[in-house]
Structure formats: structure tokens, C-alpha cells
Amino acid sequence: MKKILLVEDDPNLGLLLQDYLQLKGKFDVVLCKDGDEGLRAFTKSTYDLLILDVMMPKKDGFTLGKDIRKINQHIPIIFATAKGMIEDKTEAFNLGGDDYITKPFRIEELLLRINALLKRSENSEKKTEEQQTQFKIGRYSFDYKGQVIIIGEQVQKLSTKEAELLRLLCMRKNEVLTREEALLNIWHDDNYFNGRSMDVFLSKIRKYLKDDPNVEIINVHGRGYKLLIN
């Protein structure tokens, strides 16, 4: 479930938007009543998208957006205001906003804009992941294209499948990489024999990473594997 931070000083509108987005959009929506409260909420949790009212007490939406951009350059931001002046739209985009909606607006339109931004953000993250070839694994450096792991002056050459498997683990660092995903991505078939072959490659990769006690590849029963980096 995607998590949205909604900062809106009108309590009636805020609750209406929160209820609609949670019911229709199936989002987890955190509602804050002013910019100061919104900034505190942002620093205490992780969100997928922000909706910031511009005209608010204590800290207006533009100031809040500027503060958030100092912390996170990439999270999608939609500014909402009763004003329709071109200067406000220019300000919104200059501050790193991704979209702008003028009150009064149809909630259905807001939902469409949210889904479009989330999809664009997901595609951008996926493209960045797919392009990444250099990884830091504790004290190790992993060069996917060069198919080597380096620690100090030691260089360990990897086979193509070892490199592909380690890259998938790195991309899911501290998260579960399912057996099915790994097998389908690398072997294009999740049959029993390919699974046994993958287990052999995992054993080799564990040996390659044994010199750093803060790095570990664990089995997650019934699901897959997890690369843990403390």
C-alpha cells in the first residue's frame, strides 16, 4: 500500500480527501493540519507522495516543499491552492513540485494525478536500478559488468550467473528476494533442477563475502533469500 502525506489546514476538506483516497485509491493517508506538523510527520516516516496545501498557517506549502526538498529530492509533490495565478504555478515548479492543482478541484482528478505521478516515479526508480552496475556491500565493492568482487587488494572473479544473482540480491538489499524471482530472471524457469543449481551459486557467493562479518545472506523459510548488511 502506497503511503501519502496530506497537509491541509481545512479540516473538512482534509478529512474528505483522506477518506476518499483511502477508500477509492487504497492509499494509507496521513493527514496534517499545518506545515510544521507536516514537516515533523515527514521526518518520522517514509512516504511515496506528498500533497501540500499552499495557503496554510505557521508554515505555508511552498516553504514546506522547500524544506522537504532539502531532505528528499525525488519524492513526488503535488501543490494545491485556491489561487490560480501563473506566478504560483511557476513557484510550485521552481521549488521542485511535480504537479499543481487549483481549488476547487474534483477529487477524481486528484486521484488520476496521484496515480500518474506514482507510476512515473516507479518507472524512474526501476530504470535507475536496471542501470546500476556498481554496488557497495559492506567492505566489498561489486562490479557487475566486470563480474568481480573486490576487498582491499583481493579480487574475486565471478561467473555470469553468480554476478547476476548477486546483483539481484544487492537490488533487494535487506529485503527478501524470492526464489521464483531469482530463477525466472536468471534461468527463465523455476524448475527443481535450476533451483538446486542456484543453491550452489549462493553457497559460493557466501564464501566470497565471508571476510566481512557485517555481510550475510540468509535463507527466509518458504520465501527466498535476504542480503543483510549491518
C-alpha atoms as a PDB file:
ATOM      1  CA  MET A   1       0.000   0.000   0.000  1.00  0.00           C
ATOM      2  CA  LYS A   2       1.372   3.387  -1.038  1.00  0.00           C
ATOM      3  CA  LYS A   3       1.664   5.967   1.726  1.00  0.00           C
ATOM      4  CA  ILE A   4       0.660   9.605   1.161  1.00  0.00           C
ATOM      5  CA  LEU A   5       1.283  12.636   3.366  1.00  0.00           C
ATOM      6  CA  LEU A   6      -1.589  15.123   3.029  1.00  0.00           C
ATOM      7  CA  VAL A   7      -1.030  18.555   4.585  1.00  0.00           C
ATOM      8  CA  GLU A   8      -4.278  20.577   4.527  1.00  0.00           C
ATOM      9  CA  ASP A   9      -5.442  23.216   7.039  1.00  0.00           C
ATOM     10  CA  ASP A  10      -9.151  22.942   6.146  1.00  0.00           C
ATOM     11  CA  PRO A  11     -10.287  20.092   8.453  1.00  0.00           C
ATOM     12  CA  ASN A  12     -13.411  19.278   6.437  1.00  0.00           C
ATOM     13  CA  LEU A  13     -11.584  19.095   3.109  1.00  0.00           C
ATOM     14  CA  GLY A  14      -8.665  17.250   4.693  1.00  0.00           C
ATOM     15  CA  LEU A  15     -10.878  14.515   6.143  1.00  0.00           C
ATOM     16  CA  LEU A  16     -12.863  14.261   2.893  1.00  0.00           C
ATOM     17  CA  LEU A  17      -9.681  13.793   0.833  1.00  0.00           C
ATOM     18  CA  GLN A  18      -8.227  11.348   3.362  1.00  0.00           C
ATOM     19  CA  ASP A  19     -11.359   9.179   3.390  1.00  0.00           C
ATOM     20  CA  TYR A  20     -11.724   9.204  -0.399  1.00  0.00           C
ATOM     21  CA  LEU A  21      -8.077   8.378  -1.137  1.00  0.00           C
ATOM     22  CA  GLN A  22      -8.041   5.589   1.435  1.00  0.00           C
ATOM     23  CA  LEU A  23     -11.314   4.110   0.160  1.00  0.00           C
ATOM     24  CA  LYS A  24     -11.058   4.624  -3.605  1.00  0.00           C
ATOM     25  CA  GLY A  25      -7.298   4.818  -4.075  1.00  0.00           C
ATOM     26  CA  LYS A  26      -6.492   2.253  -1.372  1.00  0.00           C
ATOM     27  CA  PHE A  27      -3.730   4.505  -0.038  1.00  0.00           C
ATOM     28  CA  ASP A  28      -2.516   4.905   3.518  1.00  0.00           C
ATOM     29  CA  VAL A  29      -3.051   8.663   4.041  1.00  0.00           C
ATOM     30  CA  VAL A  30      -1.548  10.614   6.937  1.00  0.00           C
ATOM     31  CA  LEU A  31      -3.314  13.978   7.452  1.00  0.00           C
ATOM     32  CA  CYS A  32      -1.592  17.012   8.992  1.00  0.00           C
ATOM     33  CA  LYS A  33      -3.227  20.392   9.641  1.00  0.00           C
ATOM     34  CA  ASP A  34      -0.277  22.767   9.081  1.00  0.00           C
ATOM     35  CA  GLY A  35       3.231  22.941   7.654  1.00  0.00           C
ATOM     36  CA  ASP A  36       5.065  22.460  10.931  1.00  0.00           C
ATOM     37  CA  GLU A  37       3.101  19.299  11.709  1.00  0.00           C
ATOM     38  CA  GLY A  38       3.626  18.133   8.129  1.00  0.00           C
ATOM     39  CA  LEU A  39       7.405  18.514   8.345  1.00  0.00           C
ATOM     40  CA  ARG A  40       7.530  16.590  11.632  1.00  0.00           C
ATOM     41  CA  ALA A  41       5.455  13.783  10.114  1.00  0.00           C
ATOM     42  CA  PHE A  42       7.686  13.655   7.032  1.00  0.00           C
ATOM     43  CA  THR A  43      10.870  13.272   9.082  1.00  0.00           C
ATOM     44  CA  LYS A  44       9.384  10.476  11.202  1.00  0.00           C
ATOM     45  CA  SER A  45       8.174   8.158   8.437  1.00  0.00           C
ATOM     46  CA  THR A  46       8.579   7.187   4.781  1.00  0.00           C
ATOM     47  CA  TYR A  47       6.094   8.334   2.135  1.00  0.00           C
ATOM     48  CA  ASP A  48       5.540   7.698  -1.565  1.00  0.00           C
ATOM     49  CA  LEU A  49       3.882  11.036  -2.408  1.00  0.00           C
ATOM     50  CA  LEU A  50       3.026  14.382  -0.799  1.00  0.00           C
ATOM     51  CA  ILE A  51       0.003  16.659  -1.266  1.00  0.00           C
ATOM     52  CA  LEU A  52       0.707  20.128   0.152  1.00  0.00           C
ATOM     53  CA  ASP A  53      -1.831  22.909   0.512  1.00  0.00           C
ATOM     54  CA  VAL A  54      -0.123  26.206  -0.264  1.00  0.00           C
ATOM     55  CA  MET A  55      -2.126  28.617   1.938  1.00  0.00           C
ATOM     56  CA  MET A  56      -1.528  27.350   5.494  1.00  0.00           C
ATOM     57  CA  PRO A  57      -0.738  28.870   8.909  1.00  0.00           C
ATOM     58  CA  LYS A  58       2.666  28.560  10.622  1.00  0.00           C
ATOM     59  CA  LYS A  59       4.442  27.248   7.521  1.00  0.00           C
ATOM     60  CA  ASP A  60       2.929  27.619   4.039  1.00  0.00           C
ATOM     61  CA  GLY A  61       3.071  24.819   1.464  1.00  0.00           C
ATOM     62  CA  PHE A  62       5.840  26.390  -0.612  1.00  0.00           C
ATOM     63  CA  THR A  63       8.093  26.767   2.439  1.00  0.00           C
ATOM     64  CA  LEU A  64       7.289  23.209   3.488  1.00  0.00           C
ATOM     65  CA  GLY A  65       8.076  21.974  -0.010  1.00  0.00           C
ATOM     66  CA  LYS A  66      11.415  23.788   0.065  1.00  0.00           C
ATOM     67  CA  ASP A  67      12.278  22.214   3.449  1.00  0.00           C
ATOM     68  CA  ILE A  68      11.322  18.744   2.197  1.00  0.00           C
ATOM     69  CA  ARG A  69      13.412  19.105  -0.953  1.00  0.00           C
ATOM     70  CA  LYS A  70      16.462  19.672   1.263  1.00  0.00           C
ATOM     71  CA  ILE A  71      15.811  16.213   2.730  1.00  0.00           C
ATOM     72  CA  ASN A  72      14.498  14.322  -0.311  1.00  0.00           C
ATOM     73  CA  GLN A  73      14.999  15.437  -3.916  1.00  0.00           C
ATOM     74  CA  HIS A  74      12.868  12.771  -5.564  1.00  0.00           C
ATOM     75  CA  ILE A  75       9.586  12.210  -3.711  1.00  0.00           C
ATOM     76  CA  PRO A  76       6.630  13.384  -5.879  1.00  0.00           C
ATOM     77  CA  ILE A  77       4.941  16.568  -4.597  1.00  0.00           C
ATOM     78  CA  ILE A  78       1.534  17.951  -5.622  1.00  0.00           C
ATOM     79  CA  PHE A  79       0.812  21.542  -4.564  1.00  0.00           C
ATOM     80  CA  ALA A  80      -2.833  22.513  -4.007  1.00  0.00           C
ATOM     81  CA  THR A  81      -4.092  26.100  -3.611  1.00  0.00           C
ATOM     82  CA  ALA A  82      -7.144  28.290  -4.090  1.00  0.00           C
ATOM     83  CA  LYS A  83      -5.051  30.658  -6.161  1.00  0.00           C
ATOM     84  CA  GLY A  84      -4.858  30.311  -9.917  1.00  0.00           C
ATOM     85  CA  MET A  85      -2.144  32.853 -10.651  1.00  0.00           C
ATOM     86  CA  ILE A  86       0.616  31.899 -13.079  1.00  0.00           C
ATOM     87  CA  GLU A  87       3.167  33.144 -10.522  1.00  0.00           C
ATOM     88  CA  ASP A  88       2.041  30.453  -8.075  1.00  0.00           C
ATOM     89  CA  LYS A  89       2.353  27.732 -10.708  1.00  0.00           C
ATOM     90  CA  THR A  90       5.839  28.941 -11.586  1.00  0.00           C
ATOM     91  CA  GLU A  91       6.778  28.982  -7.900  1.00  0.00           C
ATOM     92  CA  ALA A  92       5.456  25.445  -7.421  1.00  0.00           C
ATOM     93  CA  PHE A  93       7.593  24.004 -10.202  1.00  0.00           C
ATOM     94  CA  ASN A  94      10.641  26.114  -9.300  1.00  0.00           C
ATOM     95  CA  LEU A  95      10.534  24.579  -5.822  1.00  0.00           C
ATOM     96  CA  GLY A  96      10.672  21.094  -7.287  1.00  0.00           C
ATOM     97  CA  GLY A  97       6.970  20.358  -7.350  1.00  0.00           C
ATOM     98  CA  ASP A  98       5.841  17.641  -9.749  1.00  0.00           C
ATOM     99  CA  ASP A  99       2.243  18.812 -10.224  1.00  0.00           C
ATOM    100  CA  TYR A 100      -0.136  21.621  -9.328  1.00  0.00           C
ATOM    101  CA  ILE A 101      -3.893  21.543  -8.806  1.00  0.00           C
ATOM    102  CA  THR A 102      -6.150  24.558  -8.241  1.00  0.00           C
ATOM    103  CA  LYS A 103      -9.027  24.558  -5.760  1.00  0.00           C
ATOM    104  CA  PRO A 104     -11.836  23.801  -6.109  1.00  0.00           C
ATOM    105  CA  PHE A 105     -10.971  20.559  -7.874  1.00  0.00           C
ATOM    106  CA  ARG A 106     -12.679  17.231  -8.438  1.00  0.00           C
ATOM    107  CA  ILE A 107     -11.285  14.542  -6.165  1.00  0.00           C
ATOM    108  CA  GLU A 108     -11.343  12.123  -9.106  1.00  0.00           C
ATOM    109  CA  GLU A 109      -8.931  14.409 -10.948  1.00  0.00           C
ATOM    110  CA  LEU A 110      -6.590  14.468  -7.946  1.00  0.00           C
ATOM    111  CA  LEU A 111      -6.647  10.667  -7.840  1.00  0.00           C
ATOM    112  CA  LEU A 112      -5.716  10.492 -11.528  1.00  0.00           C
ATOM    113  CA  ARG A 113      -2.794  12.870 -10.969  1.00  0.00           C
ATOM    114  CA  ILE A 114      -1.616  10.852  -7.960  1.00  0.00           C
ATOM    115  CA  ASN A 115      -1.656   7.569  -9.889  1.00  0.00           C
ATOM    116  CA  ALA A 116       0.167   9.148 -12.845  1.00  0.00           C
ATOM    117  CA  LEU A 117       2.924  10.543 -10.615  1.00  0.00           C
ATOM    118  CA  LEU A 118       3.343   7.280  -8.700  1.00  0.00           C
ATOM    119  CA  LYS A 119       3.611   5.321 -11.939  1.00  0.00           C
ATOM    120  CA  ARG A 120       6.195   7.761 -13.300  1.00  0.00           C
ATOM    121  CA  SER A 121       8.146   7.575 -10.039  1.00  0.00           C
ATOM    122  CA  GLU A 122       8.125   3.755 -10.070  1.00  0.00           C
ATOM    123  CA  ASN A 123       9.311   3.655 -13.689  1.00  0.00           C
ATOM    124  CA  SER A 124      12.118   6.087 -12.872  1.00  0.00           C
ATOM    125  CA  GLU A 125      13.252   4.024  -9.868  1.00  0.00           C
ATOM    126  CA  LYS A 126      13.130   0.818 -11.914  1.00  0.00           C
ATOM    127  CA  LYS A 127      15.169   2.389 -14.714  1.00  0.00           C
ATOM    128  CA  THR A 128      17.773   3.606 -12.207  1.00  0.00           C
ATOM    129  CA  GLU A 129      18.008   0.136 -10.664  1.00  0.00           C
ATOM    130  CA  GLU A 130      18.353  -1.518 -14.055  1.00  0.00           C
ATOM    131  CA  GLN A 131      21.201   0.850 -14.978  1.00  0.00           C
ATOM    132  CA  GLN A 132      23.162   0.374 -11.752  1.00  0.00           C
ATOM    133  CA  THR A 133      26.279  -1.754 -12.155  1.00  0.00           C
ATOM    134  CA  GLN A 134      28.417  -0.718  -9.158  1.00  0.00           C
ATOM    135  CA  PHE A 135      27.441  -1.790  -5.638  1.00  0.00           C
ATOM    136  CA  LYS A 136      28.893  -1.403  -2.155  1.00  0.00           C
ATOM    137  CA  ILE A 137      28.449  -4.495   0.031  1.00  0.00           C
ATOM    138  CA  GLY A 138      29.917  -3.682   3.417  1.00  0.00           C
ATOM    139  CA  ARG A 139      33.700  -3.616   2.896  1.00  0.00           C
ATOM    140  CA  TYR A 140      33.307  -5.157  -0.571  1.00  0.00           C
ATOM    141  CA  SER A 141      32.929  -3.431  -3.917  1.00  0.00           C
ATOM    142  CA  PHE A 142      30.947  -5.340  -6.527  1.00  0.00           C
ATOM    143  CA  ASP A 143      31.384  -4.535 -10.225  1.00  0.00           C
ATOM    144  CA  TYR A 144      28.511  -6.248 -12.045  1.00  0.00           C
ATOM    145  CA  LYS A 145      29.800  -5.570 -15.567  1.00  0.00           C
ATOM    146  CA  GLY A 146      33.347  -6.553 -14.687  1.00  0.00           C
ATOM    147  CA  GLN A 147      31.991  -9.570 -12.758  1.00  0.00           C
ATOM    148  CA  VAL A 148      34.343  -9.068  -9.810  1.00  0.00           C
ATOM    149  CA  ILE A 149      34.130  -8.568  -6.043  1.00  0.00           C
ATOM    150  CA  ILE A 150      36.925  -6.511  -4.509  1.00  0.00           C
ATOM    151  CA  ILE A 151      38.004  -6.180  -0.877  1.00  0.00           C
ATOM    152  CA  GLY A 152      41.319  -4.484  -0.228  1.00  0.00           C
ATOM    153  CA  GLU A 153      43.722  -5.929  -2.772  1.00  0.00           C
ATOM    154  CA  GLN A 154      41.774  -9.179  -3.163  1.00  0.00           C
ATOM    155  CA  VAL A 155      39.834  -9.598  -6.399  1.00  0.00           C
ATOM    156  CA  GLN A 156      37.331 -12.436  -6.787  1.00  0.00           C
ATOM    157  CA  LYS A 157      36.163 -13.193 -10.333  1.00  0.00           C
ATOM    158  CA  LEU A 158      32.520 -14.243 -10.682  1.00  0.00           C
ATOM    159  CA  SER A 159      30.734 -16.348 -13.245  1.00  0.00           C
ATOM    160  CA  THR A 160      27.938 -14.679 -15.201  1.00  0.00           C
ATOM    161  CA  LYS A 161      25.192 -16.323 -13.141  1.00  0.00           C
ATOM    162  CA  GLU A 162      26.961 -15.539  -9.857  1.00  0.00           C
ATOM    163  CA  ALA A 163      27.162 -11.884 -10.887  1.00  0.00           C
ATOM    164  CA  GLU A 164      23.505 -11.817 -11.926  1.00  0.00           C
ATOM    165  CA  LEU A 165      22.388 -13.431  -8.681  1.00  0.00           C
ATOM    166  CA  LEU A 166      24.484 -11.111  -6.515  1.00  0.00           C
ATOM    167  CA  ARG A 167      23.149  -8.085  -8.392  1.00  0.00           C
ATOM    168  CA  LEU A 168      19.559  -9.135  -7.692  1.00  0.00           C
ATOM    169  CA  LEU A 169      20.425  -9.548  -4.011  1.00  0.00           C
ATOM    170  CA  CYS A 170      22.027  -6.093  -3.976  1.00  0.00           C
ATOM    171  CA  MET A 171      18.969  -4.543  -5.615  1.00  0.00           C
ATOM    172  CA  ARG A 172      16.827  -6.090  -2.836  1.00  0.00           C
ATOM    173  CA  LYS A 173      19.331  -5.298  -0.086  1.00  0.00           C
ATOM    174  CA  ASN A 174      17.837  -6.015   3.367  1.00  0.00           C
ATOM    175  CA  GLU A 175      14.653  -7.221   1.649  1.00  0.00           C
ATOM    176  CA  VAL A 176      13.501 -10.669   0.557  1.00  0.00           C
ATOM    177  CA  LEU A 177      14.489 -11.853  -2.911  1.00  0.00           C
ATOM    178  CA  THR A 178      12.071 -14.679  -3.684  1.00  0.00           C
ATOM    179  CA  ARG A 179      13.341 -17.900  -5.234  1.00  0.00           C
ATOM    180  CA  GLU A 180      10.843 -17.531  -8.065  1.00  0.00           C
ATOM    181  CA  GLU A 181      12.024 -14.027  -8.973  1.00  0.00           C
ATOM    182  CA  ALA A 182      15.675 -15.059  -8.985  1.00  0.00           C
ATOM    183  CA  LEU A 183      15.066 -18.217 -11.025  1.00  0.00           C
ATOM    184  CA  LEU A 184      12.830 -16.533 -13.593  1.00  0.00           C
ATOM    185  CA  ASN A 185      15.169 -13.558 -14.002  1.00  0.00           C
ATOM    186  CA  ILE A 186      18.356 -15.593 -14.382  1.00  0.00           C
ATOM    187  CA  TRP A 187      17.353 -19.094 -15.527  1.00  0.00           C
ATOM    188  CA  HIS A 188      13.962 -18.167 -17.039  1.00  0.00           C
ATOM    189  CA  ASP A 189      12.492 -21.293 -15.452  1.00  0.00           C
ATOM    190  CA  ASP A 190      11.840 -22.038 -11.773  1.00  0.00           C
ATOM    191  CA  ASN A 191      12.061 -25.822 -12.005  1.00  0.00           C
ATOM    192  CA  TYR A 192      13.653 -28.038  -9.336  1.00  0.00           C
ATOM    193  CA  PHE A 193      16.993 -28.532 -11.116  1.00  0.00           C
ATOM    194  CA  ASN A 194      17.555 -24.816 -11.663  1.00  0.00           C
ATOM    195  CA  GLY A 195      16.713 -24.274  -8.006  1.00  0.00           C
ATOM    196  CA  ARG A 196      19.411 -26.719  -6.947  1.00  0.00           C
ATOM    197  CA  SER A 197      21.875 -25.006  -9.266  1.00  0.00           C
ATOM    198  CA  MET A 198      21.050 -21.635  -7.712  1.00  0.00           C
ATOM    199  CA  ASP A 199      21.686 -23.023  -4.231  1.00  0.00           C
ATOM    200  CA  VAL A 200      25.208 -23.961  -5.333  1.00  0.00           C
ATOM    201  CA  PHE A 201      25.854 -20.440  -6.640  1.00  0.00           C
ATOM    202  CA  LEU A 202      24.538 -18.939  -3.385  1.00  0.00           C
ATOM    203  CA  SER A 203      26.938 -21.100  -1.372  1.00  0.00           C
ATOM    204  CA  LYS A 204      29.841 -19.809  -3.462  1.00  0.00           C
ATOM    205  CA  ILE A 205      28.739 -16.178  -3.077  1.00  0.00           C
ATOM    206  CA  ARG A 206      28.524 -16.624   0.707  1.00  0.00           C
ATOM    207  CA  LYS A 207      32.150 -17.825   0.706  1.00  0.00           C
ATOM    208  CA  TYR A 208      33.211 -14.839  -1.383  1.00  0.00           C
ATOM    209  CA  LEU A 209      31.691 -12.466   1.208  1.00  0.00           C
ATOM    210  CA  LYS A 210      32.869 -14.296   4.349  1.00  0.00           C
ATOM    211  CA  ASP A 211      35.627 -11.791   5.249  1.00  0.00           C
ATOM    212  CA  ASP A 212      33.139  -9.123   6.335  1.00  0.00           C
ATOM    213  CA  PRO A 213      31.104 -10.249   9.399  1.00  0.00           C
ATOM    214  CA  ASN A 214      28.603  -7.432   8.752  1.00  0.00           C
ATOM    215  CA  VAL A 215      27.538  -9.028   5.459  1.00  0.00           C
ATOM    216  CA  GLU A 216      25.284 -12.079   5.439  1.00  0.00           C
ATOM    217  CA  ILE A 217      22.964 -13.869   3.013  1.00  0.00           C
ATOM    218  CA  ILE A 218      20.222 -15.612   4.965  1.00  0.00           C
ATOM    219  CA  ASN A 219      17.509 -18.059   3.945  1.00  0.00           C
ATOM    220  CA  VAL A 220      13.955 -16.852   4.536  1.00  0.00           C
ATOM    221  CA  HIS A 221      11.965 -20.043   5.045  1.00  0.00           C
ATOM    222  CA  GLY A 222       9.430 -20.707   2.316  1.00  0.00           C
ATOM    223  CA  ARG A 223      10.166 -17.434   0.521  1.00  0.00           C
ATOM    224  CA  GLY A 224      13.733 -16.901  -0.621  1.00  0.00           C
ATOM    225  CA  TYR A 225      16.872 -15.061   0.462  1.00  0.00           C
ATOM    226  CA  LYS A 226      17.915 -11.791   2.017  1.00  0.00           C
ATOM    227  CA  LEU A 227      21.229  -9.927   1.737  1.00  0.00           C
ATOM    228  CA  LEU A 228      21.786  -8.333   5.148  1.00  0.00           C
ATOM    229  CA  ILE A 229      24.302  -5.519   5.521  1.00  0.00           C
ATOM    230  CA  ASN A 230      24.662  -4.214   9.071  1.00  0.00           C
END
